[in-house]
Protein backbone atom coordinates (compact mmCIF):
# COMPACT_ATOMS: atom_id res chain seq x y z
CA MET A 1 -101.62 -79.44 -144.64
CA HIS A 2 -98.93 -77.47 -147.19
CA LEU A 3 -97.86 -73.96 -146.74
CA LEU A 4 -96.43 -74.00 -149.92
CA LYS A 5 -95.51 -75.95 -153.01
CA ARG A 6 -92.65 -75.07 -155.42
CA ARG A 7 -90.89 -77.82 -157.68
CA VAL A 8 -87.59 -76.79 -159.54
CA GLY A 9 -86.62 -79.71 -162.06
CA SER A 10 -86.86 -82.95 -160.35
CA TRP A 11 -86.97 -81.42 -156.87
CA ARG A 12 -89.97 -80.36 -154.54
CA PHE A 13 -90.49 -78.17 -151.78
CA ALA A 14 -93.51 -78.13 -149.34
CA PRO A 15 -93.43 -77.77 -145.55
CA THR A 16 -96.30 -78.40 -143.97
CA LEU A 17 -98.12 -76.32 -140.84
CA TRP A 18 -97.61 -78.01 -138.13
CA PRO A 19 -93.70 -79.05 -138.34
CA THR A 20 -92.77 -75.32 -139.77
CA LEU A 21 -94.77 -73.94 -136.42
CA ALA A 22 -92.46 -75.80 -134.11
CA ALA A 23 -89.69 -75.36 -135.89
CA LEU A 24 -90.01 -71.87 -136.00
CA PHE A 25 -90.82 -71.57 -132.31
CA PHE A 26 -87.61 -73.43 -131.11
CA PHE A 27 -85.55 -71.64 -134.03
CA THR A 28 -86.66 -68.27 -132.61
CA LEU A 29 -86.13 -69.65 -129.16
CA THR A 30 -82.46 -70.56 -129.54
CA LEU A 31 -81.45 -67.49 -131.80
CA PHE A 32 -82.49 -65.56 -128.83
CA LEU A 33 -81.09 -67.42 -126.25
CA GLY A 34 -77.38 -67.08 -128.45
CA ASN A 35 -78.65 -63.46 -128.60
CA TRP A 36 -78.84 -63.12 -124.48
CA GLN A 37 -75.64 -64.90 -124.07
CA SER A 38 -73.71 -62.62 -126.65
CA GLY A 39 -74.89 -59.63 -124.99
CA ARG A 40 -73.88 -61.17 -121.86
CA ALA A 41 -70.23 -61.65 -123.01
CA GLU A 42 -70.15 -58.18 -124.37
CA ALA A 43 -71.35 -56.74 -120.46
CA LYS A 44 -68.47 -59.12 -119.03
CA ARG A 45 -65.83 -57.77 -121.53
CA ALA A 46 -66.82 -54.48 -120.16
CA LEU A 47 -66.58 -55.46 -116.75
CA GLN A 48 -63.01 -57.09 -117.60
CA ALA A 49 -61.77 -53.88 -119.86
CA ARG A 50 -62.80 -51.76 -116.45
CA TYR A 51 -60.75 -53.74 -114.26
CA ASP A 52 -58.10 -53.14 -116.38
CA ALA A 53 -58.56 -49.63 -116.76
CA ALA A 54 -59.18 -49.47 -112.78
CA LEU A 55 -55.67 -51.18 -112.12
CA ARG A 56 -54.16 -47.65 -113.38
CA GLU A 57 -56.20 -45.86 -111.23
CA ALA A 58 -56.28 -44.30 -107.74
CA PRO A 59 -58.26 -46.27 -105.21
CA ILE A 60 -61.73 -45.76 -104.26
CA HIS A 61 -61.72 -44.78 -100.67
CA VAL A 62 -64.12 -46.85 -98.64
CA GLY A 63 -66.36 -45.00 -95.15
CA ALA A 64 -69.03 -45.53 -93.32
CA ALA A 65 -71.66 -45.13 -96.17
CA LEU A 66 -72.81 -47.89 -97.95
CA LEU A 67 -71.27 -49.19 -101.62
CA ASP A 68 -72.83 -49.18 -105.18
CA ARG A 69 -71.92 -52.73 -105.43
CA ASP A 70 -71.95 -52.51 -109.43
CA SER A 71 -70.01 -49.37 -109.81
CA VAL A 72 -66.94 -50.42 -107.47
CA LEU A 73 -66.95 -54.05 -108.65
CA TYR A 74 -63.63 -55.00 -109.89
CA ARG A 75 -62.29 -51.49 -108.80
CA LYS A 76 -59.20 -50.67 -106.33
CA LEU A 77 -60.42 -49.90 -103.05
CA GLU A 78 -58.88 -48.22 -99.82
CA VAL A 79 -60.14 -48.51 -96.46
CA ARG A 80 -58.78 -47.85 -93.03
CA GLY A 81 -60.31 -49.48 -89.61
CA GLU A 82 -59.54 -52.37 -87.47
CA PHE A 83 -59.71 -56.10 -87.76
CA ASP A 84 -62.27 -58.37 -85.79
CA ASP A 85 -60.47 -61.79 -85.39
CA GLY A 86 -63.54 -63.00 -83.73
CA HIS A 87 -65.16 -63.61 -86.85
CA THR A 88 -62.56 -64.74 -89.06
CA ILE A 89 -63.53 -67.78 -91.31
CA LEU A 90 -61.35 -69.90 -93.46
CA LEU A 91 -62.66 -70.91 -96.85
CA ASP A 92 -61.75 -75.04 -97.38
CA ASN A 93 -60.10 -76.13 -100.27
CA ARG A 94 -58.46 -73.35 -102.07
CA VAL A 95 -55.40 -74.81 -103.59
CA HIS A 96 -52.07 -72.68 -104.60
CA GLY A 97 -49.23 -74.12 -105.78
CA GLY A 98 -50.38 -77.57 -106.02
CA LYS A 99 -50.97 -77.41 -102.05
CA ALA A 100 -54.31 -77.25 -100.48
CA GLY A 101 -54.94 -74.69 -98.19
CA TYR A 102 -57.51 -72.04 -97.17
CA HIS A 103 -58.34 -68.25 -97.89
CA VAL A 104 -58.55 -66.51 -94.72
CA LEU A 105 -61.53 -63.76 -94.36
CA THR A 106 -61.60 -61.54 -91.55
CA PRO A 107 -64.03 -58.24 -91.34
CA LEU A 108 -62.47 -55.04 -91.02
CA ARG A 109 -64.57 -52.80 -88.86
CA ILE A 110 -64.20 -49.57 -90.90
CA GLU A 111 -63.50 -46.33 -88.98
CA GLY A 112 -65.97 -43.76 -88.44
CA GLY A 113 -69.02 -46.10 -88.55
CA ALA A 114 -70.61 -49.54 -87.59
CA ARG A 115 -70.43 -51.13 -91.28
CA ALA A 116 -67.33 -53.69 -91.77
CA ILE A 117 -65.92 -54.89 -95.27
CA LEU A 118 -65.33 -58.60 -95.21
CA VAL A 119 -61.69 -59.14 -96.24
CA ASN A 120 -60.01 -62.09 -97.68
CA ARG A 121 -56.47 -61.59 -96.72
CA GLY A 122 -54.75 -64.16 -98.27
CA TRP A 123 -53.80 -68.10 -98.62
CA VAL A 124 -52.81 -70.28 -96.00
CA ALA A 125 -51.34 -73.84 -95.90
CA ALA A 126 -53.31 -76.77 -94.33
CA GLY A 127 -51.75 -78.02 -91.45
CA ARG A 128 -50.78 -81.94 -91.38
CA THR A 129 -54.17 -82.63 -90.27
CA ARG A 130 -57.81 -81.42 -90.33
CA GLU A 131 -58.01 -80.77 -86.48
CA ARG A 132 -54.76 -78.85 -86.64
CA LEU A 133 -56.02 -75.39 -88.59
CA PRO A 134 -53.48 -72.44 -89.24
CA ALA A 135 -53.90 -69.45 -87.05
CA PRO A 136 -52.13 -66.23 -88.82
CA PRO A 137 -51.27 -63.45 -87.00
CA VAL A 138 -54.03 -60.71 -87.55
CA PRO A 139 -52.69 -56.87 -87.21
CA ARG A 140 -53.59 -54.98 -84.35
CA GLY A 141 -54.70 -51.55 -84.02
CA ARG A 142 -55.87 -49.13 -87.06
CA VAL A 143 -54.43 -50.46 -90.35
CA ARG A 144 -54.98 -49.21 -93.71
CA LEU A 145 -55.54 -51.48 -96.82
CA GLU A 146 -55.71 -51.68 -100.44
CA GLY A 147 -57.52 -54.07 -102.63
CA VAL A 148 -59.61 -55.24 -105.49
CA ALA A 149 -63.52 -55.00 -104.72
CA ILE A 150 -64.62 -58.69 -106.16
CA GLU A 151 -67.63 -60.75 -105.93
CA ALA A 152 -69.03 -61.53 -102.39
CA GLN A 153 -70.06 -64.97 -103.49
CA THR A 154 -67.61 -68.01 -104.20
CA ARG A 155 -69.03 -70.40 -106.67
CA TYR A 156 -67.84 -73.99 -105.56
CA VAL A 157 -69.50 -77.50 -104.95
CA GLU A 158 -70.79 -77.70 -101.96
CA LEU A 159 -72.17 -81.49 -101.07
CA GLY A 160 -75.73 -81.28 -99.69
CA ASP A 161 -76.52 -78.44 -97.34
CA ALA A 162 -73.15 -78.52 -96.01
CA ALA A 163 -73.16 -76.37 -92.55
CA PRO A 164 -70.21 -74.35 -91.71
CA GLN A 165 -67.49 -76.41 -89.44
CA GLY A 166 -66.85 -73.89 -87.00
CA ARG A 167 -64.33 -71.20 -88.66
CA VAL A 168 -64.29 -73.63 -91.57
CA TRP A 169 -66.34 -72.99 -94.19
CA GLN A 170 -66.98 -74.95 -97.72
CA ASN A 171 -68.48 -71.74 -99.77
CA LEU A 172 -69.05 -68.10 -98.68
CA ASP A 173 -72.71 -67.53 -98.37
CA PHE A 174 -72.36 -63.80 -97.51
CA ALA A 175 -75.67 -63.13 -96.48
CA ARG A 176 -75.85 -66.22 -93.88
CA TYR A 177 -72.46 -65.16 -92.70
CA ALA A 178 -73.47 -61.48 -92.03
CA ALA A 179 -76.61 -62.76 -90.28
CA ILE A 180 -74.59 -65.49 -88.00
CA HIS A 181 -72.07 -62.74 -87.16
CA ARG A 182 -74.08 -59.95 -87.17
CA LEU A 183 -72.38 -57.75 -88.91
CA ASP A 184 -73.52 -54.92 -91.34
CA LEU A 185 -71.20 -55.62 -94.42
CA GLN A 186 -70.40 -53.58 -97.43
CA PRO A 187 -71.49 -55.52 -100.30
CA VAL A 188 -68.50 -56.55 -102.13
CA LEU A 189 -65.59 -58.86 -100.63
CA LEU A 190 -61.88 -56.94 -100.85
CA GLN A 191 -59.48 -59.04 -101.92
CA GLN A 192 -56.55 -57.51 -100.08
CA THR A 193 -53.38 -56.62 -102.42
CA SER A 194 -51.54 -54.54 -99.78
CA ALA A 195 -48.71 -56.48 -98.04
CA ALA A 196 -49.06 -57.17 -94.48
CA ASP A 197 -46.35 -59.47 -91.92
CA ASP A 198 -48.96 -62.36 -91.43
CA GLY A 199 -47.31 -65.38 -93.68
CA LEU A 200 -50.53 -65.13 -96.07
CA VAL A 201 -50.13 -65.22 -99.93
CA ARG A 202 -51.22 -62.84 -102.14
CA ASP A 203 -50.44 -64.21 -105.11
CA TRP A 204 -54.21 -63.21 -106.67
CA PRO A 205 -55.06 -64.39 -110.24
CA ARG A 206 -56.36 -61.96 -112.44
CA PRO A 207 -60.13 -62.22 -111.85
CA ASP A 208 -62.45 -63.91 -115.04
CA ALA A 209 -65.45 -62.42 -115.49
CA GLY A 210 -66.60 -65.41 -117.37
CA VAL A 211 -66.30 -64.21 -121.31
CA GLY A 212 -65.05 -67.19 -122.29
CA MET A 213 -68.43 -69.08 -120.61
CA HIS A 214 -71.02 -67.26 -122.27
CA VAL A 215 -69.27 -67.26 -125.78
CA GLY A 216 -69.53 -70.93 -125.89
CA TYR A 217 -73.25 -71.17 -124.54
CA ALA A 218 -73.70 -68.76 -127.43
CA PHE A 219 -72.05 -70.83 -129.89
CA GLN A 220 -74.00 -73.87 -128.63
CA TRP A 221 -77.35 -72.19 -128.88
CA TYR A 222 -76.25 -70.64 -132.05
CA SER A 223 -75.22 -73.68 -133.79
CA LEU A 224 -78.70 -75.50 -132.45
CA ALA A 225 -80.81 -73.14 -134.45
CA THR A 226 -78.43 -73.71 -137.43
CA THR A 227 -79.38 -77.47 -136.91
CA LEU A 228 -82.93 -76.89 -136.64
CA ALA A 229 -82.91 -74.67 -139.76
CA VAL A 230 -80.77 -77.56 -141.63
CA LEU A 231 -83.09 -80.36 -140.67
CA TRP A 232 -86.03 -78.27 -141.51
CA LEU A 233 -84.93 -77.64 -145.24
CA ALA A 234 -83.76 -81.27 -145.16
CA MET A 235 -87.28 -82.42 -144.30
CA ASN A 236 -89.26 -80.71 -146.43
CA VAL A 237 -87.07 -80.85 -149.95
CA LYS A 238 -87.19 -84.02 -151.45
CA ARG A 239 -86.32 -85.56 -155.07
CA ARG A 240 -89.64 -86.34 -156.86
CA ARG A 241 -89.25 -89.83 -158.05
CA VAL A 242 -88.76 -90.28 -162.15
CA ASP A 243 -92.46 -91.50 -162.81
CA ASP A 244 -94.29 -88.36 -161.33
CA VAL A 245 -91.89 -86.00 -163.04
CA ARG A 246 -92.79 -87.70 -166.38
CA ALA A 247 -96.45 -87.71 -165.23
CA GLU A 248 -96.91 -84.29 -164.87
CA SER A 249 -94.98 -83.55 -167.86
């Protein structure tokens, strides 16, 4: 069943119903997904711009009240409290300067309440053997920290259902960490920037909001939509045989 028939010289355009509907469905779907990824890229650009602007702003004070995650993400924070070294964990397979090591995460119990904030204190090199774990010193007593609020989850490959091995974790599962240690945590991870005499490296890279990833996905979806449109046209535009053209003349 043809939707329409058009003839221009020796060319005929005669799309059929069901292939056209299928092509329209997938074209609309890929266009929608491309637009969605483009929208995500714009949102991430705004987030990245907010981070750049936040570097020039005064830090937000963190107290006992629960933070609004979305409003403080990538903002500078300032907090006072005491470290709880008993709940320190080491995130494994973190590389700095070509050397393997760990990120050292310790909760800071915020003064004036029962809530805590998990602090990524910095990077430390791994020992000669896996059995000898580094034990960087923890500041004692009341401290004042500054840092940047980042996503609480880390996204690395984890083989199977890998459970934490004591103080060593492959990835930070924020909800699991809070449940295991029975801590009431702020909803962000504080990436420490203030100096401390603990031997940890805090040479943090600029946070990547993932704009490039979304732009790449959008380009793929738009390319697929364009390919579908070209294929549909190519399948429905045909050159008529010379005999057919003569018979119609």
